[in-house]
């Protein structure tokens, strides 16, 4: 059975969700940019494994490293 979950949220909340859901590191959280308005991030499940497929629309601009 396939489940679909649609989160409509702000960028920081999405980053917090991904951090917890995929057990990403704090370093990932700090390096990941907030998503742009109307961005879509695709998360799927294949053979019981959750996969972060990244942005399929509205990828955020990369952070400048100074």
Protein backbone atom coordinates (compact mmCIF):
# COMPACT_ATOMS: atom_id res chain seq x y z
CA UNK A 1 0.00 0.00 0.00
CA UNK A 2 1.35 3.40 -0.98
CA UNK A 3 1.12 6.34 1.41
CA UNK A 4 1.30 9.97 0.40
CA UNK A 5 2.18 12.78 2.77
CA UNK A 6 2.14 16.41 1.65
CA UNK A 7 3.87 18.93 3.91
CA UNK A 8 3.22 22.60 3.27
CA UNK A 9 5.74 24.45 5.37
CA UNK A 10 8.49 27.02 5.63
CA UNK A 11 12.09 26.24 4.75
CA UNK A 12 13.46 25.91 8.26
CA UNK A 13 10.67 23.54 9.31
CA UNK A 14 11.29 21.38 6.21
CA UNK A 15 14.99 21.24 7.05
CA UNK A 16 14.14 20.23 10.64
CA UNK A 17 11.78 17.52 9.37
CA UNK A 18 14.41 16.11 6.99
CA UNK A 19 17.09 16.30 9.70
CA UNK A 20 14.97 14.18 12.05
CA UNK A 21 13.37 11.87 9.46
CA UNK A 22 16.61 10.92 7.70
CA UNK A 23 18.91 11.31 10.72
CA UNK A 24 21.03 13.88 8.89
CA UNK A 25 23.89 15.56 10.74
CA UNK A 26 23.81 19.08 12.18
CA UNK A 27 26.47 19.93 9.59
CA UNK A 28 24.00 18.98 6.85
CA UNK A 29 21.36 21.23 8.44
CA UNK A 30 23.75 24.19 8.57
CA UNK A 31 24.91 23.73 4.98
CA UNK A 32 21.42 23.18 3.49
CA UNK A 33 19.71 26.33 2.21
CA UNK A 34 16.09 27.14 2.92
CA UNK A 35 13.80 26.27 0.04
CA UNK A 36 12.39 28.96 -2.23
CA UNK A 37 8.69 29.83 -2.33
CA UNK A 38 6.59 27.06 -3.90
CA UNK A 39 9.49 24.56 -3.86
CA UNK A 40 8.69 20.86 -4.02
CA UNK A 41 10.93 18.22 -2.42
CA UNK A 42 10.26 14.60 -3.33
CA UNK A 43 10.65 11.88 -0.68
CA UNK A 44 9.80 8.31 -1.61
CA UNK A 45 9.87 4.81 -0.19
CA UNK A 46 11.41 1.95 -2.17
CA UNK A 47 11.43 -1.54 -0.71
CA UNK A 48 10.83 -0.16 2.77
CA UNK A 49 13.68 2.36 2.52
CA UNK A 50 12.99 6.10 2.62
CA UNK A 51 14.80 8.08 -0.05
CA UNK A 52 15.34 11.85 -0.26
CA UNK A 53 15.16 12.55 -4.00
CA UNK A 54 15.84 16.26 -3.52
CA UNK A 55 14.04 19.15 -5.11
CA UNK A 56 11.89 18.52 -8.15
CA UNK A 57 10.85 22.17 -8.43
CA UNK A 58 12.35 25.40 -7.12
CA UNK A 59 15.76 24.29 -5.92
CA UNK A 60 17.16 26.89 -3.50
CA UNK A 61 20.11 29.03 -4.38
CA UNK A 62 23.37 27.79 -2.92
CA UNK A 63 24.75 29.53 0.13
CA UNK A 64 27.78 31.71 -0.39
CA UNK A 65 30.80 30.46 1.49
CA UNK A 66 33.00 33.34 2.59
